[in-house]
Full PDB file with SEQRES, HELIX, SHEET, SSBOND, CRYST1, ORIGX, SCALE, CONECT and MASTER records, all heavy atoms in Angstrom:
SEQRES   1 A   29  ASP ASP PHE ARG ASN LYS ALA LEU PHE ILE ASN LYS PHE          
SEQRES   2 A   29  SER ILE LEU GLU LYS ALA PHE ASP PHE VAL LEU LYS SER          
SEQRES   3 A   29  CYS GLY PHE                                                  
HELIX    1 AA1 PHE A    3  ASN A    5  5                                   3    
HELIX    2 AA2 LYS A    6  LYS A   12  1                                   7    
HELIX    3 AA3 LEU A   16  SER A   26  1                                  11    
CRYST1    1.000    1.000    1.000  90.00  90.00  90.00 P 1           1          
ORIGX1      1.000000  0.000000  0.000000        0.00000                         
ORIGX2      0.000000  1.000000  0.000000        0.00000                         
ORIGX3      0.000000  0.000000  1.000000        0.00000                         
SCALE1      1.000000  0.000000  0.000000        0.00000                         
SCALE2      0.000000  1.000000  0.000000        0.00000                         
SCALE3      0.000000  0.000000  1.000000        0.00000                         
ATOM      1  N   ASP A   1      93.096 109.551 100.284  1.00  0.00           N  
ATOM      2  CA  ASP A   1      93.544 109.421 101.651  1.00  0.00           C  
ATOM      3  C   ASP A   1      95.050 109.091 101.685  1.00  0.00           C  
ATOM      4  O   ASP A   1      95.671 108.871 100.637  1.00  0.00           O  
ATOM      5  CB  ASP A   1      92.798 108.329 102.384  1.00  0.00           C  
ATOM      6  CG  ASP A   1      92.711 108.545 103.895  1.00  0.00           C  
ATOM      7  OD1 ASP A   1      93.561 109.258 104.413  1.00  0.00           O  
ATOM      8  OD2 ASP A   1      91.761 108.015 104.510  1.00  0.00           O  
ATOM      9  N   ASP A   2      95.560 109.112 102.855  1.00  0.00           N  
ATOM     10  CA  ASP A   2      96.966 108.701 103.118  1.00  0.00           C  
ATOM     11  C   ASP A   2      97.020 107.204 103.168  1.00  0.00           C  
ATOM     12  O   ASP A   2      96.113 106.557 103.692  1.00  0.00           O  
ATOM     13  CB  ASP A   2      97.420 109.300 104.461  1.00  0.00           C  
ATOM     14  CG  ASP A   2      98.901 109.117 104.718  1.00  0.00           C  
ATOM     15  OD1 ASP A   2      99.304 107.999 105.000  1.00  0.00           O  
ATOM     16  OD2 ASP A   2      99.637 110.160 104.652  1.00  0.00           O  
ATOM     17  N   PHE A   3      98.073 106.607 102.626  1.00  0.00           N  
ATOM     18  CA  PHE A   3      98.213 105.150 102.604  1.00  0.00           C  
ATOM     19  C   PHE A   3      98.152 104.536 103.989  1.00  0.00           C  
ATOM     20  O   PHE A   3      97.727 103.395 104.132  1.00  0.00           O  
ATOM     21  CB  PHE A   3      99.519 104.785 101.889  1.00  0.00           C  
ATOM     22  CG  PHE A   3      99.663 103.310 101.539  1.00  0.00           C  
ATOM     23  CD1 PHE A   3      98.910 102.790 100.497  1.00  0.00           C  
ATOM     24  CD2 PHE A   3     100.478 102.491 102.279  1.00  0.00           C  
ATOM     25  CE1 PHE A   3      98.986 101.435 100.193  1.00  0.00           C  
ATOM     26  CE2 PHE A   3     100.601 101.152 101.975  1.00  0.00           C  
ATOM     27  CZ  PHE A   3      99.872 100.620 100.925  1.00  0.00           C  
ATOM     28  N   ARG A   4      98.588 105.277 104.986  1.00  0.00           N  
ATOM     29  CA  ARG A   4      98.564 104.756 106.348  1.00  0.00           C  
ATOM     30  C   ARG A   4      97.176 104.435 106.845  1.00  0.00           C  
ATOM     31  O   ARG A   4      96.967 103.708 107.834  1.00  0.00           O  
ATOM     32  CB  ARG A   4      99.274 105.696 107.325  1.00  0.00           C  
ATOM     33  CG  ARG A   4     100.755 105.773 107.044  1.00  0.00           C  
ATOM     34  CD  ARG A   4     101.418 106.862 107.814  1.00  0.00           C  
ATOM     35  NE  ARG A   4     101.058 108.155 107.268  1.00  0.00           N  
ATOM     36  CZ  ARG A   4     101.709 109.294 107.512  1.00  0.00           C  
ATOM     37  NH1 ARG A   4     102.719 109.298 108.327  1.00  0.00           N  
ATOM     38  NH2 ARG A   4     101.344 110.417 106.931  1.00  0.00           N  
ATOM     39  N   ASN A   5      96.131 104.951 106.176  1.00  0.00           N  
ATOM     40  CA  ASN A   5      94.744 104.682 106.543  1.00  0.00           C  
ATOM     41  C   ASN A   5      94.112 103.571 105.717  1.00  0.00           C  
ATOM     42  O   ASN A   5      92.897 103.410 105.712  1.00  0.00           O  
ATOM     43  CB  ASN A   5      93.902 105.945 106.366  1.00  0.00           C  
ATOM     44  CG  ASN A   5      94.257 107.000 107.409  1.00  0.00           C  
ATOM     45  OD1 ASN A   5      94.630 106.679 108.546  1.00  0.00           O  
ATOM     46  ND2 ASN A   5      94.206 108.251 107.022  1.00  0.00           N  
ATOM     47  N   LYS A   6      94.901 102.794 105.015  1.00  0.00           N  
ATOM     48  CA  LYS A   6      94.402 101.770 104.088  1.00  0.00           C  
ATOM     49  C   LYS A   6      93.493 100.763 104.791  1.00  0.00           C  
ATOM     50  O   LYS A   6      92.556 100.264 104.161  1.00  0.00           O  
ATOM     51  CB  LYS A   6      95.562 101.069 103.374  1.00  0.00           C  
ATOM     52  CG  LYS A   6      96.442 100.270 104.279  1.00  0.00           C  
ATOM     53  CD  LYS A   6      97.577  99.643 103.475  1.00  0.00           C  
ATOM     54  CE  LYS A   6      98.364  98.756 104.282  1.00  0.00           C  
ATOM     55  NZ  LYS A   6      99.261  98.439 104.942  1.00  0.00           N  
ATOM     56  N   ALA A   7      93.712 100.451 106.039  1.00  0.00           N  
ATOM     57  CA  ALA A   7      92.899  99.417 106.713  1.00  0.00           C  
ATOM     58  C   ALA A   7      91.422  99.861 106.750  1.00  0.00           C  
ATOM     59  O   ALA A   7      90.540  98.994 106.706  1.00  0.00           O  
ATOM     60  CB  ALA A   7      93.424  99.229 108.148  1.00  0.00           C  
ATOM     61  N   LEU A   8      91.134 101.136 106.843  1.00  0.00           N  
ATOM     62  CA  LEU A   8      89.753 101.609 106.838  1.00  0.00           C  
ATOM     63  C   LEU A   8      89.014 101.175 105.560  1.00  0.00           C  
ATOM     64  O   LEU A   8      87.875 100.803 105.606  1.00  0.00           O  
ATOM     65  CB  LEU A   8      89.731 103.148 106.933  1.00  0.00           C  
ATOM     66  CG  LEU A   8      90.312 103.766 108.175  1.00  0.00           C  
ATOM     67  CD1 LEU A   8      90.386 105.301 107.984  1.00  0.00           C  
ATOM     68  CD2 LEU A   8      89.468 103.441 109.410  1.00  0.00           C  
ATOM     69  N   PHE A   9      89.757 101.182 104.484  1.00  0.00           N  
ATOM     70  CA  PHE A   9      89.151 100.889 103.174  1.00  0.00           C  
ATOM     71  C   PHE A   9      89.151  99.380 102.888  1.00  0.00           C  
ATOM     72  O   PHE A   9      88.257  98.879 102.226  1.00  0.00           O  
ATOM     73  CB  PHE A   9      89.816 101.685 102.095  1.00  0.00           C  
ATOM     74  CG  PHE A   9      89.743 103.182 102.419  1.00  0.00           C  
ATOM     75  CD1 PHE A   9      90.810 103.833 102.946  1.00  0.00           C  
ATOM     76  CD2 PHE A   9      88.553 103.848 102.235  1.00  0.00           C  
ATOM     77  CE1 PHE A   9      90.725 105.161 103.313  1.00  0.00           C  
ATOM     78  CE2 PHE A   9      88.452 105.192 102.558  1.00  0.00           C  
ATOM     79  CZ  PHE A   9      89.561 105.855 103.118  1.00  0.00           C  
ATOM     80  N   ILE A  10      90.122  98.682 103.420  1.00  0.00           N  
ATOM     81  CA  ILE A  10      90.155  97.194 103.266  1.00  0.00           C  
ATOM     82  C   ILE A  10      88.971  96.595 103.995  1.00  0.00           C  
ATOM     83  O   ILE A  10      88.362  95.640 103.533  1.00  0.00           O  
ATOM     84  CB  ILE A  10      91.497  96.646 103.780  1.00  0.00           C  
ATOM     85  CG1 ILE A  10      92.645  97.037 102.828  1.00  0.00           C  
ATOM     86  CG2 ILE A  10      91.431  95.096 103.890  1.00  0.00           C  
ATOM     87  CD1 ILE A  10      94.011  96.732 103.328  1.00  0.00           C  
ATOM     88  N   ASN A  11      88.602  97.219 105.154  1.00  0.00           N  
ATOM     89  CA  ASN A  11      87.446  96.704 105.912  1.00  0.00           C  
ATOM     90  C   ASN A  11      86.155  96.846 105.125  1.00  0.00           C  
ATOM     91  O   ASN A  11      85.252  96.016 105.249  1.00  0.00           O  
ATOM     92  CB  ASN A  11      87.323  97.459 107.229  1.00  0.00           C  
ATOM     93  CG  ASN A  11      88.387  97.055 108.214  1.00  0.00           C  
ATOM     94  OD1 ASN A  11      88.907  95.966 108.152  1.00  0.00           O  
ATOM     95  ND2 ASN A  11      88.732  97.942 109.153  1.00  0.00           N  
ATOM     96  N   LYS A  12      86.071  97.872 104.264  1.00  0.00           N  
ATOM     97  CA  LYS A  12      84.897  98.080 103.437  1.00  0.00           C  
ATOM     98  C   LYS A  12      84.928  97.301 102.135  1.00  0.00           C  
ATOM     99  O   LYS A  12      83.921  96.767 101.693  1.00  0.00           O  
ATOM    100  CB  LYS A  12      84.707  99.603 103.184  1.00  0.00           C  
ATOM    101  CG  LYS A  12      83.571  99.951 102.299  1.00  0.00           C  
ATOM    102  CD  LYS A  12      82.247  99.672 102.989  1.00  0.00           C  
ATOM    103  CE  LYS A  12      81.109 100.099 102.016  1.00  0.00           C  
ATOM    104  NZ  LYS A  12      79.874  99.430 102.292  1.00  0.00           N  
ATOM    105  N   PHE A  13      86.093  97.269 101.503  1.00  0.00           N  
ATOM    106  CA  PHE A  13      86.303  96.594 100.229  1.00  0.00           C  
ATOM    107  C   PHE A  13      87.478  95.661 100.359  1.00  0.00           C  
ATOM    108  O   PHE A  13      88.622  96.049 100.177  1.00  0.00           O  
ATOM    109  CB  PHE A  13      86.604  97.624  99.104  1.00  0.00           C  
ATOM    110  CG  PHE A  13      85.529  98.660  98.940  1.00  0.00           C  
ATOM    111  CD1 PHE A  13      85.786 100.002  99.283  1.00  0.00           C  
ATOM    112  CD2 PHE A  13      84.306  98.358  98.402  1.00  0.00           C  
ATOM    113  CE1 PHE A  13      84.822 100.983  99.095  1.00  0.00           C  
ATOM    114  CE2 PHE A  13      83.323  99.335  98.227  1.00  0.00           C  
ATOM    115  CZ  PHE A  13      83.604 100.656  98.568  1.00  0.00           C  
ATOM    116  N   SER A  14      87.197  94.385 100.634  1.00  0.00           N  
ATOM    117  CA  SER A  14      88.285  93.426 100.890  1.00  0.00           C  
ATOM    118  C   SER A  14      89.218  93.262  99.680  1.00  0.00           C  
ATOM    119  O   SER A  14      90.356  92.922  99.856  1.00  0.00           O  
ATOM    120  CB  SER A  14      87.728  92.060 101.304  1.00  0.00           C  
ATOM    121  OG  SER A  14      86.881  91.571 100.267  1.00  0.00           O  
ATOM    122  N   ILE A  15      88.725  93.504  98.473  1.00  0.00           N  
ATOM    123  CA  ILE A  15      89.564  93.353  97.255  1.00  0.00           C  
ATOM    124  C   ILE A  15      90.755  94.327  97.314  1.00  0.00           C  
ATOM    125  O   ILE A  15      91.786  94.059  96.700  1.00  0.00           O  
ATOM    126  CB  ILE A  15      88.717  93.582  95.999  1.00  0.00           C  
ATOM    127  CG1 ILE A  15      89.517  93.226  94.746  1.00  0.00           C  
ATOM    128  CG2 ILE A  15      88.205  95.012  95.909  1.00  0.00           C  
ATOM    129  CD1 ILE A  15      89.931  91.801  94.634  1.00  0.00           C  
ATOM    130  N   LEU A  16      90.617  95.385  98.070  1.00  0.00           N  
ATOM    131  CA  LEU A  16      91.729  96.375  98.153  1.00  0.00           C  
ATOM    132  C   LEU A  16      92.954  95.803  98.847  1.00  0.00           C  
ATOM    133  O   LEU A  16      94.052  96.327  98.664  1.00  0.00           O  
ATOM    134  CB  LEU A  16      91.228  97.652  98.859  1.00  0.00           C  
ATOM    135  CG  LEU A  16      90.313  98.529  98.042  1.00  0.00           C  
ATOM    136  CD1 LEU A  16      89.854  99.691  98.868  1.00  0.00           C  
ATOM    137  CD2 LEU A  16      90.966  98.947  96.767  1.00  0.00           C  
ATOM    138  N   GLU A  17      92.806  94.778  99.669  1.00  0.00           N  
ATOM    139  CA  GLU A  17      93.956  94.223 100.393  1.00  0.00           C  
ATOM    140  C   GLU A  17      95.023  93.777  99.385  1.00  0.00           C  
ATOM    141  O   GLU A  17      96.215  94.115  99.538  1.00  0.00           O  
ATOM    142  CB  GLU A  17      93.550  93.068 101.320  1.00  0.00           C  
ATOM    143  CG  GLU A  17      94.740  92.589 102.128  1.00  0.00           C  
ATOM    144  CD  GLU A  17      94.290  91.684 103.282  1.00  0.00           C  
ATOM    145  OE1 GLU A  17      93.149  91.238 103.298  1.00  0.00           O  
ATOM    146  OE2 GLU A  17      95.141  91.485 104.210  1.00  0.00           O  
ATOM    147  N   LYS A  18      94.651  93.052  98.351  1.00  0.00           N  
ATOM    148  CA  LYS A  18      95.607  92.559  97.382  1.00  0.00           C  
ATOM    149  C   LYS A  18      96.214  93.766  96.618  1.00  0.00           C  
ATOM    150  O   LYS A  18      97.416  93.783  96.326  1.00  0.00           O  
ATOM    151  CB  LYS A  18      94.993  91.607  96.404  1.00  0.00           C  
ATOM    152  CG  LYS A  18      95.965  90.925  95.448  1.00  0.00           C  
ATOM    153  CD  LYS A  18      95.288  89.983  94.517  1.00  0.00           C  
ATOM    154  CE  LYS A  18      95.226  88.631  95.231  1.00  0.00           C  
ATOM    155  NZ  LYS A  18      94.805  87.530  94.306  1.00  0.00           N  
ATOM    156  N   ALA A  19      95.397  94.758  96.308  1.00  0.00           N  
ATOM    157  CA  ALA A  19      95.865  95.915  95.565  1.00  0.00           C  
ATOM    158  C   ALA A  19      96.858  96.696  96.412  1.00  0.00           C  
ATOM    159  O   ALA A  19      97.932  97.113  95.913  1.00  0.00           O  
ATOM    160  CB  ALA A  19      94.680  96.810  95.185  1.00  0.00           C  
ATOM    161  N   PHE A  20      96.526  96.894  97.703  1.00  0.00           N  
ATOM    162  CA  PHE A  20      97.438  97.663  98.567  1.00  0.00           C  
ATOM    163  C   PHE A  20      98.750  96.859  98.783  1.00  0.00           C  
ATOM    164  O   PHE A  20      99.824  97.465  98.911  1.00  0.00           O  
ATOM    165  CB  PHE A  20      96.787  97.977  99.887  1.00  0.00           C  
ATOM    166  CG  PHE A  20      95.809  99.138  99.828  1.00  0.00           C  
ATOM    167  CD1 PHE A  20      94.606  99.033 100.467  1.00  0.00           C  
ATOM    168  CD2 PHE A  20      96.109 100.309  99.140  1.00  0.00           C  
ATOM    169  CE1 PHE A  20      93.679 100.121 100.396  1.00  0.00           C  
ATOM    170  CE2 PHE A  20      95.263 101.372  99.084  1.00  0.00           C  
ATOM    171  CZ  PHE A  20      94.014 101.300  99.732  1.00  0.00           C  
ATOM    172  N   ASP A  21      98.673  95.544  98.866  1.00  0.00           N  
ATOM    173  CA  ASP A  21      99.877  94.725  99.007  1.00  0.00           C  
ATOM    174  C   ASP A  21     100.810  94.942  97.805  1.00  0.00           C  
ATOM    175  O   ASP A  21     102.002  95.045  97.986  1.00  0.00           O  
ATOM    176  CB  ASP A  21      99.570  93.225  99.119  1.00  0.00           C  
ATOM    177  CG  ASP A  21      98.994  92.848 100.466  1.00  0.00           C  
ATOM    178  OD1 ASP A  21      99.114  93.678 101.430  1.00  0.00           O  
ATOM    179  OD2 ASP A  21      98.430  91.714 100.579  1.00  0.00           O  
ATOM    180  N   PHE A  22     100.224  95.004  96.611  1.00  0.00           N  
ATOM    181  CA  PHE A  22     101.069  95.273  95.432  1.00  0.00           C  
ATOM    182  C   PHE A  22     101.661  96.674  95.484  1.00  0.00           C  
ATOM    183  O   PHE A  22     102.829  96.869  95.171  1.00  0.00           O  
ATOM    184  CB  PHE A  22     100.273  95.114  94.135  1.00  0.00           C  
ATOM    185  CG  PHE A  22     101.166  95.275  92.954  1.00  0.00           C  
ATOM    186  CD1 PHE A  22     101.952  94.253  92.435  1.00  0.00           C  
ATOM    187  CD2 PHE A  22     101.315  96.558  92.337  1.00  0.00           C  
ATOM    188  CE1 PHE A  22     102.807  94.434  91.384  1.00  0.00           C  
ATOM    189  CE2 PHE A  22     102.189  96.715  91.267  1.00  0.00           C  
ATOM    190  CZ  PHE A  22     102.918  95.677  90.817  1.00  0.00           C  
ATOM    191  N   VAL A  23     100.866  97.633  95.970  1.00  0.00           N  
ATOM    192  CA  VAL A  23     101.391  99.001  96.057  1.00  0.00           C  
ATOM    193  C   VAL A  23     102.607  99.015  96.939  1.00  0.00           C  
ATOM    194  O   VAL A  23     103.570  99.717  96.662  1.00  0.00           O  
ATOM    195  CB  VAL A  23     100.276  99.954  96.581  1.00  0.00           C  
ATOM    196  CG1 VAL A  23     100.845 101.269  97.094  1.00  0.00           C  
ATOM    197  CG2 VAL A  23      99.231 100.187  95.495  1.00  0.00           C  
ATOM    198  N   LEU A  24     102.595  98.281  98.077  1.00  0.00           N  
ATOM    199  CA  LEU A  24     103.756  98.237  98.964  1.00  0.00           C  
ATOM    200  C   LEU A  24     104.988  97.722  98.216  1.00  0.00           C  
ATOM    201  O   LEU A  24     106.082  98.273  98.375  1.00  0.00           O  
ATOM    202  CB  LEU A  24     103.493  97.360 100.166  1.00  0.00           C  
ATOM    203  CG  LEU A  24     102.672  97.968 101.272  1.00  0.00           C  
ATOM    204  CD1 LEU A  24     102.378  96.909 102.354  1.00  0.00           C  
ATOM    205  CD2 LEU A  24     103.393  99.160 101.912  1.00  0.00           C  
ATOM    206  N   LYS A  25     104.818  96.744  97.409  1.00  0.00           N  
ATOM    207  CA  LYS A  25     105.938  96.188  96.559  1.00  0.00           C  
ATOM    208  C   LYS A  25     106.415  97.223  95.561  1.00  0.00           C  
ATOM    209  O   LYS A  25     107.578  97.206  95.161  1.00  0.00           O  
ATOM    210  CB  LYS A  25     105.519  94.893  95.905  1.00  0.00           C  
ATOM    211  CG  LYS A  25     105.230  93.767  96.859  1.00  0.00           C  
ATOM    212  CD  LYS A  25     104.720  92.559  96.105  1.00  0.00           C  
ATOM    213  CE  LYS A  25     104.230  91.523  97.070  1.00  0.00           C  
ATOM    214  NZ  LYS A  25     103.489  90.449  96.419  1.00  0.00           N  
ATOM    215  N   SER A  26     105.533  98.042  95.076  1.00  0.00           N  
ATOM    216  CA  SER A  26     105.825  98.949  94.000  1.00  0.00           C  
ATOM    217  C   SER A  26     106.669 100.125  94.492  1.00  0.00           C  
ATOM    218  O   SER A  26     107.201 100.879  93.659  1.00  0.00           O  
ATOM    219  CB  SER A  26     104.555  99.512  93.314  1.00  0.00           C  
ATOM    220  OG  SER A  26     103.931 100.486  94.149  1.00  0.00           O  
ATOM    221  N   CYS A  27     106.819 100.315  95.763  1.00  0.00           N  
ATOM    222  CA  CYS A  27     107.559 101.463  96.276  1.00  0.00           C  
ATOM    223  C   CYS A  27     109.031 101.470  95.806  1.00  0.00           C  
ATOM    224  O   CYS A  27     109.656 102.493  95.873  1.00  0.00           O  
ATOM    225  CB  CYS A  27     107.457 101.519  97.795  1.00  0.00           C  
ATOM    226  SG  CYS A  27     105.769 101.929  98.305  1.00  0.00           S  
ATOM    227  N   GLY A  28     109.536 100.386  95.363  1.00  0.00           N  
ATOM    228  CA  GLY A  28     110.915 100.306  94.853  1.00  0.00           C  
ATOM    229  C   GLY A  28     111.047 100.701  93.390  1.00  0.00           C  
ATOM    230  O   GLY A  28     112.122 100.769  92.881  1.00  0.00           O  
ATOM    231  N   PHE A  29     109.922 100.993  92.734  1.00  0.00           N  
ATOM    232  CA  PHE A  29     109.909 101.289  91.288  1.00  0.00           C  
ATOM    233  C   PHE A  29     110.184 102.811  91.072  1.00  0.00           C  
ATOM    234  O   PHE A  29     109.467 103.438  90.350  1.00  0.00           O  
ATOM    235  CB  PHE A  29     108.595 100.942  90.616  1.00  0.00           C  
ATOM    236  CG  PHE A  29     108.196  99.515  90.789  1.00  0.00           C  
ATOM    237  CD1 PHE A  29     106.850  99.160  90.782  1.00  0.00           C  
ATOM    238  CD2 PHE A  29     109.110  98.481  90.950  1.00  0.00           C  
ATOM    239  CE1 PHE A  29     106.426  97.861  90.899  1.00  0.00           C  
ATOM    240  CE2 PHE A  29     108.690  97.157  91.074  1.00  0.00           C  
ATOM    241  CZ  PHE A  29     107.368  96.849  91.055  1.00  0.00           C  
TER     242      PHE A  29                                                      
MASTER        0    0    0    3    0    0    0    6  241    1    0    3          
END                                                                             
């Protein structure tokens, strides 16, 4: 999926919130 839809998956798998937060930080790499 597109990253903009991440909330749909966080609602199903709460562990993804921390993973997606790291992904946001990684955009500068």
